[in-house]
PDB file of N, CA and C in Angstrom:
ATOM      1  N   UNK A   1       0.779  -0.999  -0.063  1.00  0.00           N
ATOM      2  CA  UNK A   1       0.091  -0.086  -0.223  1.00  0.00           C
ATOM      3  C   UNK A   1       0.930   1.079   0.138  1.00  0.00           C
ATOM      4  N   UNK A   2       0.554   2.250  -0.781  1.00  0.00           N
ATOM      5  CA  UNK A   2       1.302   3.472  -0.823  1.00  0.00           C
ATOM      6  C   UNK A   2       1.113   4.311   0.279  1.00  0.00           C
ATOM      7  N   UNK A   3       1.921   4.649   1.185  1.00  0.00           N
ATOM      8  CA  UNK A   3       1.686   5.449   2.362  1.00  0.00           C
ATOM      9  C   UNK A   3       1.102   6.945   1.793  1.00  0.00           C
ATOM     10  N   UNK A   4       0.181   7.329   3.086  1.00  0.00           N
ATOM     11  CA  UNK A   4      -0.663   8.743   2.660  1.00  0.00           C
ATOM     12  C   UNK A   4       0.891   9.797   2.164  1.00  0.00           C
ATOM     13  N   UNK A   5       0.355  10.526   1.387  1.00  0.00           N
ATOM     14  CA  UNK A   5       1.242  11.636   1.096  1.00  0.00           C
ATOM     15  C   UNK A   5       0.798  12.421  -0.611  1.00  0.00           C
ATOM     16  N   UNK A   6       1.711  12.985  -0.921  1.00  0.00           N
ATOM     17  CA  UNK A   6       1.544  13.884  -1.747  1.00  0.00           C
ATOM     18  C   UNK A   6       2.446  13.391  -3.091  1.00  0.00           C
ATOM     19  N   UNK A   7       2.316  12.978  -4.055  1.00  0.00           N
ATOM     20  CA  UNK A   7       3.439  12.191  -5.064  1.00  0.00           C
ATOM     21  C   UNK A   7       2.977  12.957  -6.272  1.00  0.00           C
ATOM     22  N   UNK A   8       4.496  12.857  -7.195  1.00  0.00           N
ATOM     23  CA  UNK A   8       4.259  12.987  -8.570  1.00  0.00           C
ATOM     24  C   UNK A   8       3.834  11.383  -9.166  1.00  0.00           C
ATOM     25  N   UNK A   9       2.791  12.142 -10.163  1.00  0.00           N
ATOM     26  CA  UNK A   9       2.312  10.418 -10.850  1.00  0.00           C
ATOM     27  C   UNK A   9       2.490  10.832 -12.363  1.00  0.00           C
ATOM     28  N   UNK A  10       2.575   9.551 -13.028  1.00  0.00           N
ATOM     29  CA  UNK A  10       2.436   9.885 -14.866  1.00  0.00           C
ATOM     30  C   UNK A  10       1.457   8.908 -14.949  1.00  0.00           C
ATOM     31  N   UNK A  11       0.400   9.269 -16.181  1.00  0.00           N
ATOM     32  CA  UNK A  11      -0.462   8.420 -16.906  1.00  0.00           C
ATOM     33  C   UNK A  11       0.267   7.508 -17.651  1.00  0.00           C
ATOM     34  N   UNK A  12       0.232   6.376 -17.274  1.00  0.00           N
ATOM     35  CA  UNK A  12       0.905   5.273 -17.833  1.00  0.00           C
ATOM     36  C   UNK A  12       0.373   4.594 -19.133  1.00  0.00           C
ATOM     37  N   UNK A  13      -0.920   4.389 -18.699  1.00  0.00           N
ATOM     38  CA  UNK A  13      -1.673   3.705 -19.960  1.00  0.00           C
ATOM     39  C   UNK A  13      -3.472   3.900 -19.256  1.00  0.00           C
ATOM     40  N   UNK A  14      -3.851   3.388 -20.530  1.00  0.00           N
ATOM     41  CA  UNK A  14      -5.407   3.199 -20.004  1.00  0.00           C
ATOM     42  C   UNK A  14      -6.148   1.970 -20.258  1.00  0.00           C
ATOM     43  N   UNK A  15      -6.756   1.286 -19.631  1.00  0.00           N
ATOM     44  CA  UNK A  15      -7.351  -0.136 -19.738  1.00  0.00           C
ATOM     45  C   UNK A  15      -8.991   0.238 -19.776  1.00  0.00           C
ATOM     46  N   UNK A  16      -9.706  -0.004 -21.015  1.00  0.00           N
ATOM     47  CA  UNK A  16     -10.915   0.619 -20.777  1.00  0.00           C
ATOM     48  C   UNK A  16     -11.015   1.939 -20.211  1.00  0.00           C
ATOM     49  N   UNK A  17     -12.291   1.978 -19.092  1.00  0.00           N
ATOM     50  CA  UNK A  17     -12.438   3.241 -18.619  1.00  0.00           C
ATOM     51  C   UNK A  17     -11.007   3.503 -17.237  1.00  0.00           C
ATOM     52  N   UNK A  18     -10.506   2.731 -17.220  1.00  0.00           N
ATOM     53  CA  UNK A  18      -9.163   2.836 -16.196  1.00  0.00           C
ATOM     54  C   UNK A  18      -8.052   3.548 -16.515  1.00  0.00           C
ATOM     55  N   UNK A  19      -7.723   4.077 -15.610  1.00  0.00           N
ATOM     56  CA  UNK A  19      -6.130   5.034 -15.962  1.00  0.00           C
ATOM     57  C   UNK A  19      -5.171   4.416 -14.772  1.00  0.00           C
ATOM     58  N   UNK A  20      -3.795   3.996 -15.162  1.00  0.00           N
ATOM     59  CA  UNK A  20      -2.806   3.468 -14.799  1.00  0.00           C
ATOM     60  C   UNK A  20      -1.802   4.447 -14.262  1.00  0.00           C
ATOM     61  N   UNK A  21      -1.450   4.947 -12.965  1.00  0.00           N
ATOM     62  CA  UNK A  21      -1.119   5.890 -12.654  1.00  0.00           C
ATOM     63  C   UNK A  21       0.364   5.422 -12.354  1.00  0.00           C
ATOM     64  N   UNK A  22       1.514   5.682 -12.616  1.00  0.00           N
ATOM     65  CA  UNK A  22       2.827   5.217 -11.727  1.00  0.00           C
ATOM     66  C   UNK A  22       3.159   6.323 -10.691  1.00  0.00           C
ATOM     67  N   UNK A  23       3.531   5.918  -9.659  1.00  0.00           N
ATOM     68  CA  UNK A  23       3.770   6.985  -8.582  1.00  0.00           C
ATOM     69  C   UNK A  23       5.074   6.929  -8.496  1.00  0.00           C
ATOM     70  N   UNK A  24       5.652   8.017  -8.300  1.00  0.00           N
ATOM     71  CA  UNK A  24       7.005   8.428  -7.991  1.00  0.00           C
ATOM     72  C   UNK A  24       7.562   8.905  -6.481  1.00  0.00           C
ATOM     73  N   UNK A  25       8.809   8.482  -6.196  1.00  0.00           N
ATOM     74  CA  UNK A  25       9.193   9.486  -5.003  1.00  0.00           C
ATOM     75  C   UNK A  25      10.601   9.373  -5.528  1.00  0.00           C
ATOM     76  N   UNK A  26      11.084  10.709  -5.178  1.00  0.00           N
ATOM     77  CA  UNK A  26      12.594  11.069  -5.424  1.00  0.00           C
ATOM     78  C   UNK A  26      12.931  10.625  -6.809  1.00  0.00           C
ATOM     79  N   UNK A  27      12.199  10.796  -7.879  1.00  0.00           N
ATOM     80  CA  UNK A  27      12.625  10.479  -9.051  1.00  0.00           C
ATOM     81  C   UNK A  27      12.683   9.028  -9.619  1.00  0.00           C
ATOM     82  N   UNK A  28      11.985   8.114  -8.553  1.00  0.00           N
ATOM     83  CA  UNK A  28      11.690   6.592  -9.000  1.00  0.00           C
ATOM     84  C   UNK A  28      10.269   6.266  -8.770  1.00  0.00           C
ATOM     85  N   UNK A  29      10.265   5.326  -9.919  1.00  0.00           N
ATOM     86  CA  UNK A  29       8.561   4.544  -9.796  1.00  0.00           C
ATOM     87  C   UNK A  29       8.414   3.876  -8.540  1.00  0.00           C
ATOM     88  N   UNK A  30       7.699   4.073  -7.660  1.00  0.00           N
ATOM     89  CA  UNK A  30       7.648   3.046  -6.433  1.00  0.00           C
ATOM     90  C   UNK A  30       6.245   2.052  -6.515  1.00  0.00           C
ATOM     91  N   UNK A  31       5.459   2.393  -7.178  1.00  0.00           N
ATOM     92  CA  UNK A  31       4.170   1.911  -7.159  1.00  0.00           C
ATOM     93  C   UNK A  31       3.546   2.273  -8.453  1.00  0.00           C
ATOM     94  N   UNK A  32       1.845   1.643  -8.365  1.00  0.00           N
ATOM     95  CA  UNK A  32       0.782   2.356  -9.352  1.00  0.00           C
ATOM     96  C   UNK A  32      -0.449   2.124  -8.622  1.00  0.00           C
ATOM     97  N   UNK A  33      -1.338   3.125  -9.087  1.00  0.00           N
ATOM     98  CA  UNK A  33      -2.710   3.015  -8.680  1.00  0.00           C
ATOM     99  C   UNK A  33      -3.430   3.119  -9.954  1.00  0.00           C
ATOM    100  N   UNK A  34      -4.436   2.321  -9.841  1.00  0.00           N
ATOM    101  CA  UNK A  34      -5.331   2.179 -10.978  1.00  0.00           C
ATOM    102  C   UNK A  34      -6.473   2.907 -10.487  1.00  0.00           C
ATOM    103  N   UNK A  35      -7.181   3.828 -11.390  1.00  0.00           N
ATOM    104  CA  UNK A  35      -8.324   5.057 -10.838  1.00  0.00           C
ATOM    105  C   UNK A  35      -9.177   4.766 -11.955  1.00  0.00           C
ATOM    106  N   UNK A  36     -10.712   5.568 -11.789  1.00  0.00           N
ATOM    107  CA  UNK A  36     -11.514   5.321 -12.832  1.00  0.00           C
ATOM    108  C   UNK A  36     -11.048   6.541 -13.877  1.00  0.00           C
ATOM    109  N   UNK A  37     -10.805   6.703 -15.218  1.00  0.00           N
ATOM    110  CA  UNK A  37     -10.299   7.576 -15.482  1.00  0.00           C
ATOM    111  C   UNK A  37     -11.213   9.054 -15.386  1.00  0.00           C
ATOM    112  N   UNK A  38     -12.431   8.943 -14.977  1.00  0.00           N
ATOM    113  CA  UNK A  38     -13.091  10.174 -14.788  1.00  0.00           C
ATOM    114  C   UNK A  38     -12.691  11.024 -13.553  1.00  0.00           C
ATOM    115  N   UNK A  39     -11.889  10.497 -12.843  1.00  0.00           N
ATOM    116  CA  UNK A  39     -11.289  11.055 -11.869  1.00  0.00           C
ATOM    117  C   UNK A  39      -9.988  11.838 -12.179  1.00  0.00           C
ATOM    118  N   UNK A  40      -9.698  11.579 -13.128  1.00  0.00           N
ATOM    119  CA  UNK A  40      -8.458  12.746 -13.618  1.00  0.00           C
ATOM    120  C   UNK A  40      -8.984  13.944 -13.981  1.00  0.00           C
ATOM    121  N   UNK A  41      -7.883  14.997 -13.691  1.00  0.00           N
ATOM    122  CA  UNK A  41      -8.566  16.202 -14.285  1.00  0.00           C
ATOM    123  C   UNK A  41      -8.455  15.793 -15.633  1.00  0.00           C
ATOM    124  N   UNK A  42      -9.309  16.752 -16.545  1.00  0.00           N
ATOM    125  CA  UNK A  42      -9.772  16.676 -17.897  1.00  0.00           C
ATOM    126  C   UNK A  42      -8.557  16.716 -18.746  1.00  0.00           C
ATOM    127  N   UNK A  43      -7.547  17.798 -18.397  1.00  0.00           N
ATOM    128  CA  UNK A  43      -6.179  17.863 -19.316  1.00  0.00           C
ATOM    129  C   UNK A  43      -5.268  16.815 -19.013  1.00  0.00           C
ATOM    130  N   UNK A  44      -5.697  16.085 -18.009  1.00  0.00           N
ATOM    131  CA  UNK A  44      -4.556  15.102 -17.906  1.00  0.00           C
ATOM    132  C   UNK A  44      -5.010  13.518 -18.280  1.00  0.00           C
ATOM    133  N   UNK A  45      -5.991  13.380 -19.248  1.00  0.00           N
ATOM    134  CA  UNK A  45      -6.802  12.596 -19.696  1.00  0.00           C
ATOM    135  C   UNK A  45      -6.200  11.864 -20.915  1.00  0.00           C
ATOM    136  N   UNK A  46      -4.658  12.204 -20.970  1.00  0.00           N
ATOM    137  CA  UNK A  46      -3.456  11.595 -22.031  1.00  0.00           C
ATOM    138  C   UNK A  46      -2.736  10.926 -21.400  1.00  0.00           C
ATOM    139  N   UNK A  47      -2.412   9.770 -22.059  1.00  0.00           N
ATOM    140  CA  UNK A  47      -0.780   9.144 -21.717  1.00  0.00           C
ATOM    141  C   UNK A  47       0.122  10.179 -21.533  1.00  0.00           C
ATOM    142  N   UNK A  48       0.872  10.034 -20.856  1.00  0.00           N
ATOM    143  CA  UNK A  48       2.199  10.567 -20.279  1.00  0.00           C
ATOM    144  C   UNK A  48       2.034  12.244 -19.684  1.00  0.00           C
ATOM    145  N   UNK A  49       0.637  11.982 -19.075  1.00  0.00           N
ATOM    146  CA  UNK A  49       0.435  13.339 -18.364  1.00  0.00           C
ATOM    147  C   UNK A  49       0.883  13.229 -17.155  1.00  0.00           C
ATOM    148  N   UNK A  50       1.472  14.422 -16.434  1.00  0.00           N
ATOM    149  CA  UNK A  50       2.334  14.430 -15.159  1.00  0.00           C
ATOM    150  C   UNK A  50       1.257  15.059 -14.513  1.00  0.00           C
ATOM    151  N   UNK A  51       1.317  14.678 -13.035  1.00  0.00           N
ATOM    152  CA  UNK A  51       0.118  15.063 -12.155  1.00  0.00           C
ATOM    153  C   UNK A  51       0.852  15.038 -10.700  1.00  0.00           C
ATOM    154  N   UNK A  52       0.197  15.884  -9.955  1.00  0.00           N
ATOM    155  CA  UNK A  52       0.687  15.840  -8.504  1.00  0.00           C
ATOM    156  C   UNK A  52      -0.681  15.358  -7.603  1.00  0.00           C
ATOM    157  N   UNK A  53      -0.750  14.204  -6.967  1.00  0.00           N
ATOM    158  CA  UNK A  53      -1.841  13.545  -6.532  1.00  0.00           C
ATOM    159  C   UNK A  53      -1.479  13.251  -4.972  1.00  0.00           C
ATOM    160  N   UNK A  54      -2.650  13.336  -4.256  1.00  0.00           N
ATOM    161  CA  UNK A  54      -2.509  12.979  -3.012  1.00  0.00           C
ATOM    162  C   UNK A  54      -3.298  11.592  -2.774  1.00  0.00           C
ATOM    163  N   UNK A  55      -2.760  10.724  -1.697  1.00  0.00           N
ATOM    164  CA  UNK A  55      -2.756   9.562  -1.485  1.00  0.00           C
ATOM    165  C   UNK A  55      -3.403   9.263  -0.087  1.00  0.00           C
ATOM    166  N   UNK A  56      -4.824   8.942   0.178  1.00  0.00           N
ATOM    167  CA  UNK A  56      -4.847   8.470   1.805  1.00  0.00           C
ATOM    168  C   UNK A  56      -5.408   7.402   1.651  1.00  0.00           C
ATOM    169  N   UNK A  57      -5.108   6.491   2.857  1.00  0.00           N
ATOM    170  CA  UNK A  57      -5.640   5.322   3.260  1.00  0.00           C
ATOM    171  C   UNK A  57      -5.025   4.077   1.915  1.00  0.00           C
ATOM    172  N   UNK A  58      -4.208   4.630   1.070  1.00  0.00           N
ATOM    173  CA  UNK A  58      -3.662   3.949   0.001  1.00  0.00           C
ATOM    174  C   UNK A  58      -4.117   3.951  -1.274  1.00  0.00           C
ATOM    175  N   UNK A  59      -5.267   5.026  -1.403  1.00  0.00           N
ATOM    176  CA  UNK A  59      -6.279   5.270  -2.496  1.00  0.00           C
ATOM    177  C   UNK A  59      -5.943   6.676  -2.697  1.00  0.00           C
ATOM    178  N   UNK A  60      -6.172   6.986  -4.436  1.00  0.00           N
ATOM    179  CA  UNK A  60      -6.049   8.528  -4.871  1.00  0.00           C
ATOM    180  C   UNK A  60      -7.213   9.008  -4.306  1.00  0.00           C
ATOM    181  N   UNK A  61      -6.828  10.290  -3.888  1.00  0.00           N
ATOM    182  CA  UNK A  61      -7.931  11.171  -3.518  1.00  0.00           C
ATOM    183  C   UNK A  61      -8.092  12.323  -4.193  1.00  0.00           C
ATOM    184  N   UNK A  62      -7.223  12.766  -4.974  1.00  0.00           N
ATOM    185  CA  UNK A  62      -7.282  14.085  -5.819  1.00  0.00           C
ATOM    186  C   UNK A  62      -5.649  14.032  -6.623  1.00  0.00           C
ATOM    187  N   UNK A  63      -5.950  14.749  -7.821  1.00  0.00           N
ATOM    188  CA  UNK A  63      -4.810  14.846  -8.683  1.00  0.00           C
ATOM    189  C   UNK A  63      -4.955  16.439  -9.202  1.00  0.00           C
ATOM    190  N   UNK A  64      -3.736  17.049  -9.483  1.00  0.00           N
ATOM    191  CA  UNK A  64      -3.633  18.502 -10.071  1.00  0.00           C
ATOM    192  C   UNK A  64      -2.889  18.218 -11.285  1.00  0.00           C
ATOM    193  N   UNK A  65      -3.216  18.175 -12.499  1.00  0.00           N
ATOM    194  CA  UNK A  65      -2.469  18.280 -13.898  1.00  0.00           C
ATOM    195  C   UNK A  65      -1.406  19.296 -13.639  1.00  0.00           C
ATOM    196  N   UNK A  66      -0.222  18.880 -14.117  1.00  0.00           N
ATOM    197  CA  UNK A  66       1.123  19.562 -13.985  1.00  0.00           C
ATOM    198  C   UNK A  66       1.574  20.069 -15.419  1.00  0.00           C
ATOM    199  N   UNK A  67       1.152  20.720 -16.566  1.00  0.00           N
ATOM    200  CA  UNK A  67       1.463  20.837 -17.709  1.00  0.00           C
ATOM    201  C   UNK A  67       3.140  21.413 -17.981  1.00  0.00           C
ATOM    202  N   UNK A  68       3.685  21.992 -17.442  1.00  0.00           N
ATOM    203  CA  UNK A  68       4.603  22.188 -17.607  1.00  0.00           C
ATOM    204  C   UNK A  68       5.780  21.083 -17.412  1.00  0.00           C
ATOM    205  N   UNK A  69       5.780  20.553 -16.232  1.00  0.00           N
ATOM    206  CA  UNK A  69       6.387  19.220 -16.113  1.00  0.00           C
ATOM    207  C   UNK A  69       5.866  18.223 -17.200  1.00  0.00           C
ATOM    208  N   UNK A  70       4.714  17.989 -17.816  1.00  0.00           N
ATOM    209  CA  UNK A  70       4.134  17.366 -19.026  1.00  0.00           C
ATOM    210  C   UNK A  70       4.994  17.549 -20.123  1.00  0.00           C
ATOM    211  N   UNK A  71       5.269  18.896 -20.442  1.00  0.00           N
ATOM    212  CA  UNK A  71       5.543  19.438 -21.679  1.00  0.00           C
ATOM    213  C   UNK A  71       7.188  19.163 -21.541  1.00  0.00           C
ATOM    214  N   UNK A  72       7.610  19.361 -20.241  1.00  0.00           N
ATOM    215  CA  UNK A  72       9.553  19.161 -20.132  1.00  0.00           C
ATOM    216  C   UNK A  72       9.521  17.942 -20.303  1.00  0.00           C
ATOM    217  N   UNK A  73       9.034  16.513 -19.636  1.00  0.00           N
ATOM    218  CA  UNK A  73       8.981  15.213 -19.538  1.00  0.00           C
ATOM    219  C   UNK A  73       9.006  14.847 -21.483  1.00  0.00           C
ATOM    220  N   UNK A  74       7.853  15.510 -22.003  1.00  0.00           N
ATOM    221  CA  UNK A  74       7.795  14.866 -23.382  1.00  0.00           C
ATOM    222  C   UNK A  74       8.457  15.597 -24.164  1.00  0.00           C
ATOM    223  N   UNK A  75       9.455  16.840 -24.077  1.00  0.00           N
ATOM    224  CA  UNK A  75      10.470  17.167 -24.799  1.00  0.00           C
ATOM    225  C   UNK A  75      11.513  16.500 -24.525  1.00  0.00           C
ATOM    226  N   UNK A  76      12.022  16.136 -23.480  1.00  0.00           N
ATOM    227  CA  UNK A  76      13.134  15.091 -23.194  1.00  0.00           C
ATOM    228  C   UNK A  76      13.253  13.987 -23.772  1.00  0.00           C
ATOM    229  N   UNK A  77      12.003  13.453 -23.916  1.00  0.00           N
ATOM    230  CA  UNK A  77      11.618  12.020 -24.497  1.00  0.00           C
ATOM    231  C   UNK A  77      11.841  11.907 -25.694  1.00  0.00           C
ATOM    232  N   UNK A  78      11.255  13.242 -26.172  1.00  0.00           N
ATOM    233  CA  UNK A  78      11.716  13.135 -27.864  1.00  0.00           C
ATOM    234  C   UNK A  78      12.951  13.427 -28.277  1.00  0.00           C
ATOM    235  N   UNK A  79      13.623  14.374 -27.336  1.00  0.00           N
ATOM    236  CA  UNK A  79      14.988  14.681 -27.939  1.00  0.00           C
ATOM    237  C   UNK A  79      16.047  13.018 -27.789  1.00  0.00           C
ATOM    238  N   UNK A  80      15.458  12.347 -26.551  1.00  0.00           N
ATOM    239  CA  UNK A  80      16.261  11.223 -26.571  1.00  0.00           C
ATOM    240  C   UNK A  80      16.016  10.018 -27.745  1.00  0.00           C
ATOM    241  N   UNK A  81      14.814  10.123 -28.062  1.00  0.00           N
ATOM    242  CA  UNK A  81      14.381   9.452 -29.294  1.00  0.00           C
ATOM    243  C   UNK A  81      15.239   9.677 -30.566  1.00  0.00           C
ATOM    244  N   UNK A  82      15.183  11.278 -30.703  1.00  0.00           N
ATOM    245  CA  UNK A  82      15.797  11.944 -31.891  1.00  0.00           C
ATOM    246  C   UNK A  82      17.376  11.600 -31.872  1.00  0.00           C
ATOM    247  N   UNK A  83      17.876  11.494 -30.907  1.00  0.00           N
ATOM    248  CA  UNK A  83      19.230  11.042 -30.717  1.00  0.00           C
ATOM    249  C   UNK A  83      19.673   9.751 -31.168  1.00  0.00           C
ATOM    250  N   UNK A  84      18.892   8.773 -30.694  1.00  0.00           N
ATOM    251  CA  UNK A  84      18.683   7.595 -30.757  1.00  0.00           C
ATOM    252  C   UNK A  84      18.568   6.988 -32.183  1.00  0.00           C
ATOM    253  N   UNK A  85      17.683   7.988 -32.892  1.00  0.00           N
ATOM    254  CA  UNK A  85      17.219   7.406 -34.425  1.00  0.00           C
ATOM    255  C   UNK A  85      17.976   8.075 -35.339  1.00  0.00           C
ATOM    256  N   UNK A  86      19.184   8.629 -35.143  1.00  0.00           N
ATOM    257  CA  UNK A  86      20.257   9.187 -36.003  1.00  0.00           C
ATOM    258  C   UNK A  86      21.008   7.988 -36.373  1.00  0.00           C
ATOM    259  N   UNK A  87      21.407   7.790 -37.472  1.00  0.00           N
ATOM    260  CA  UNK A  87      22.294   6.825 -38.014  1.00  0.00           C
ATOM    261  C   UNK A  87      23.764   7.341 -37.572  1.00  0.00           C
ATOM    262  N   UNK A  88      24.497   5.983 -37.090  1.00  0.00           N
ATOM    263  CA  UNK A  88      25.884   6.247 -36.827  1.00  0.00           C
ATOM    264  C   UNK A  88      26.547   6.539 -37.885  1.00  0.00           C
ATOM    265  N   UNK A  89      27.779   7.536 -37.925  1.00  0.00           N
ATOM    266  CA  UNK A  89      28.571   7.741 -39.106  1.00  0.00           C
ATOM    267  C   UNK A  89      29.070   6.488 -39.504  1.00  0.00           C
ATOM    268  N   UNK A  90      28.921   6.545 -40.853  1.00  0.00           N
ATOM    269  CA  UNK A  90      29.859   5.062 -41.470  1.00  0.00           C
ATOM    270  C   UNK A  90      31.389   5.356 -41.935  1.00  0.00           C
ATOM    271  N   UNK A  91      32.231   4.476 -41.348  1.00  0.00           N
ATOM    272  CA  UNK A  91      33.681   4.407 -41.517  1.00  0.00           C
ATOM    273  C   UNK A  91      33.937   4.517 -43.227  1.00  0.00           C
ATOM    274  N   UNK A  92      34.414   5.445 -43.572  1.00  0.00           N
ATOM    275  CA  UNK A  92      34.933   5.609 -44.965  1.00  0.00           C
ATOM    276  C   UNK A  92      36.119   4.702 -45.259  1.00  0.00           C
ATOM    277  N   UNK A  93      36.105   3.519 -46.315  1.00  0.00           N
ATOM    278  CA  UNK A  93      37.318   2.630 -46.631  1.00  0.00           C
ATOM    279  C   UNK A  93      37.761   3.306 -47.582  1.00  0.00           C
TER     280      UNK A  93
END
């Protein structure tokens, strides 16, 4: 069970009407919560959205969408993808 507190969470995926949130502590995923998609703030109802969530008695109580953090993480992931997708230089023989 996730201890009571405030955490950063990322929307990992949707399964039917449920959202799976990855809960972070100190930058590491520590657990996950499965909640009804309708409990998410409207703008956070997409994959990879970042939220600040409150957990009480091991359950999701509330969440606030973090648009700046979502954008930063999206840009960082795209940058990593772009670097990895470049062809390595070919050695000329």
